[in-house]
Amino acid sequence: MNSPLGIGVISFAHGPAHLYCERLATFDDARLVACWDDNTARGRQAAERHGRSEELPSELQSLKDLVCRQLLAKKKVAGGG
């Protein structure tokens, strides 16, 4: 059997993210490896809830950086920064 696919969730701003993590725990071929959020407290809380690290594996850092750039751009367009 191949090793499970590692998945990191990079936002918990919407409620279903926790449901996805809980469902993922039932899969044999995938596993949750990290929980992160641009809101530090929310990310820490999610990591604790799901027993995972707040630190993303290096292969997910570039995706996190892209998401953060998109969030920043969205805030600027909305007049928040």
C-alpha atoms as a PDB file:
ATOM      1  CA  MET A   1       0.000   0.000   0.000  1.00  0.00           C
ATOM      2  CA  ASN A   2       1.198   3.509  -0.791  1.00  0.00           C
ATOM      3  CA  SER A   3       1.698   5.944   2.042  1.00  0.00           C
ATOM      4  CA  PRO A   4      -1.314   8.190   2.707  1.00  0.00           C
ATOM      5  CA  LEU A   5      -1.587  11.549   1.004  1.00  0.00           C
ATOM      6  CA  GLY A   6      -0.776  14.301   3.511  1.00  0.00           C
ATOM      7  CA  ILE A   7      -3.213  17.218   3.487  1.00  0.00           C
ATOM      8  CA  GLY A   8      -2.870  20.557   5.255  1.00  0.00           C
ATOM      9  CA  VAL A   9      -5.863  22.828   5.782  1.00  0.00           C
ATOM     10  CA  ILE A  10      -4.922  26.490   5.465  1.00  0.00           C
ATOM     11  CA  SER A  11      -8.091  28.260   6.570  1.00  0.00           C
ATOM     12  CA  PHE A  12     -10.693  27.670   9.232  1.00  0.00           C
ATOM     13  CA  ALA A  13     -12.659  30.853   8.553  1.00  0.00           C
ATOM     14  CA  HIS A  14     -15.638  28.781   7.445  1.00  0.00           C
ATOM     15  CA  GLY A  15     -17.295  26.147   9.634  1.00  0.00           C
ATOM     16  CA  PRO A  16     -17.151  23.255   7.168  1.00  0.00           C
ATOM     17  CA  ALA A  17     -13.333  23.144   7.428  1.00  0.00           C
ATOM     18  CA  HIS A  18     -13.653  21.251  10.729  1.00  0.00           C
ATOM     19  CA  LEU A  19     -16.080  18.797   9.171  1.00  0.00           C
ATOM     20  CA  TYR A  20     -13.623  18.158   6.332  1.00  0.00           C
ATOM     21  CA  CYS A  21     -10.860  17.448   8.853  1.00  0.00           C
ATOM     22  CA  GLU A  22     -13.068  15.069  10.810  1.00  0.00           C
ATOM     23  CA  ARG A  23     -14.101  13.239   7.643  1.00  0.00           C
ATOM     24  CA  LEU A  24     -10.499  13.052   6.468  1.00  0.00           C
ATOM     25  CA  ALA A  25      -9.642  11.148   9.648  1.00  0.00           C
ATOM     26  CA  THR A  26     -11.803   8.265   8.391  1.00  0.00           C
ATOM     27  CA  PHE A  27      -9.805   7.772   5.167  1.00  0.00           C
ATOM     28  CA  ASP A  28      -7.112   5.132   4.812  1.00  0.00           C
ATOM     29  CA  ASP A  29      -5.392   6.813   1.881  1.00  0.00           C
ATOM     30  CA  ALA A  30      -5.147  10.385   3.218  1.00  0.00           C
ATOM     31  CA  ARG A  31      -4.245  12.075   6.480  1.00  0.00           C
ATOM     32  CA  LEU A  32      -4.389  15.549   7.954  1.00  0.00           C
ATOM     33  CA  VAL A  33      -0.848  16.817   8.515  1.00  0.00           C
ATOM     34  CA  ALA A  34      -1.362  20.446   9.548  1.00  0.00           C
ATOM     35  CA  CYS A  35      -3.931  23.106  10.419  1.00  0.00           C
ATOM     36  CA  TRP A  36      -3.126  26.765   9.744  1.00  0.00           C
ATOM     37  CA  ASP A  37      -5.074  30.004   9.556  1.00  0.00           C
ATOM     38  CA  ASP A  38      -4.052  33.629   8.977  1.00  0.00           C
ATOM     39  CA  ASN A  39      -5.842  34.313  12.263  1.00  0.00           C
ATOM     40  CA  THR A  40      -3.237  32.867  14.652  1.00  0.00           C
ATOM     41  CA  ALA A  41      -5.674  32.075  17.457  1.00  0.00           C
ATOM     42  CA  ARG A  42      -8.090  30.330  15.095  1.00  0.00           C
ATOM     43  CA  GLY A  43      -5.244  28.320  13.559  1.00  0.00           C
ATOM     44  CA  ARG A  44      -3.912  27.289  16.960  1.00  0.00           C
ATOM     45  CA  GLN A  45      -7.393  26.292  18.101  1.00  0.00           C
ATOM     46  CA  ALA A  46      -7.947  24.195  14.960  1.00  0.00           C
ATOM     47  CA  ALA A  47      -4.554  22.498  15.330  1.00  0.00           C
ATOM     48  CA  GLU A  48      -5.338  21.620  18.941  1.00  0.00           C
ATOM     49  CA  ARG A  49      -8.851  20.422  18.076  1.00  0.00           C
ATOM     50  CA  HIS A  50      -7.532  18.058  15.401  1.00  0.00           C
ATOM     51  CA  GLY A  51      -4.309  17.066  17.160  1.00  0.00           C
ATOM     52  CA  ARG A  52      -2.054  18.480  14.461  1.00  0.00           C
ATOM     53  CA  SER A  53       0.724  20.996  14.075  1.00  0.00           C
ATOM     54  CA  GLU A  54       0.189  24.669  13.321  1.00  0.00           C
ATOM     55  CA  GLU A  55       3.347  24.548  11.217  1.00  0.00           C
ATOM     56  CA  LEU A  56       2.777  23.673   7.594  1.00  0.00           C
ATOM     57  CA  PRO A  57       5.132  21.250   5.892  1.00  0.00           C
ATOM     58  CA  SER A  58       7.555  23.046   3.565  1.00  0.00           C
ATOM     59  CA  GLU A  59       5.741  21.838   0.445  1.00  0.00           C
ATOM     60  CA  LEU A  60       2.622  23.754   1.577  1.00  0.00           C
ATOM     61  CA  GLN A  61       4.401  27.027   2.419  1.00  0.00           C
ATOM     62  CA  SER A  62       4.164  28.423  -1.119  1.00  0.00           C
ATOM     63  CA  LEU A  63       0.427  27.704  -1.192  1.00  0.00           C
ATOM     64  CA  LYS A  64       0.004  29.436   2.171  1.00  0.00           C
ATOM     65  CA  ASP A  65       1.957  32.434   0.848  1.00  0.00           C
ATOM     66  CA  LEU A  66      -0.325  32.614  -2.190  1.00  0.00           C
ATOM     67  CA  VAL A  67      -3.436  32.511   0.001  1.00  0.00           C
ATOM     68  CA  CYS A  68      -2.034  35.270   2.236  1.00  0.00           C
ATOM     69  CA  ARG A  69      -1.289  37.471  -0.783  1.00  0.00           C
ATOM     70  CA  GLN A  70      -4.860  36.944  -2.028  1.00  0.00           C
ATOM     71  CA  LEU A  71      -6.298  37.831   1.394  1.00  0.00           C
ATOM     72  CA  LEU A  72      -4.185  40.988   1.545  1.00  0.00           C
ATOM     73  CA  ALA A  73      -5.251  42.027  -1.952  1.00  0.00           C
ATOM     74  CA  LYS A  74      -8.905  41.415  -1.053  1.00  0.00           C
ATOM     75  CA  LYS A  75      -8.603  43.584   2.067  1.00  0.00           C
ATOM     76  CA  LYS A  76      -7.030  46.412   0.037  1.00  0.00           C
ATOM     77  CA  VAL A  77      -9.825  46.286  -2.545  1.00  0.00           C
ATOM     78  CA  ALA A  78     -12.406  46.376   0.258  1.00  0.00           C
ATOM     79  CA  GLY A  79     -10.655  49.400   1.769  1.00  0.00           C
ATOM     80  CA  GLY A  80      -9.286  47.570   4.763  1.00  0.00           C
ATOM     81  CA  GLY A  81      -5.604  48.155   4.273  1.00  0.00           C
END
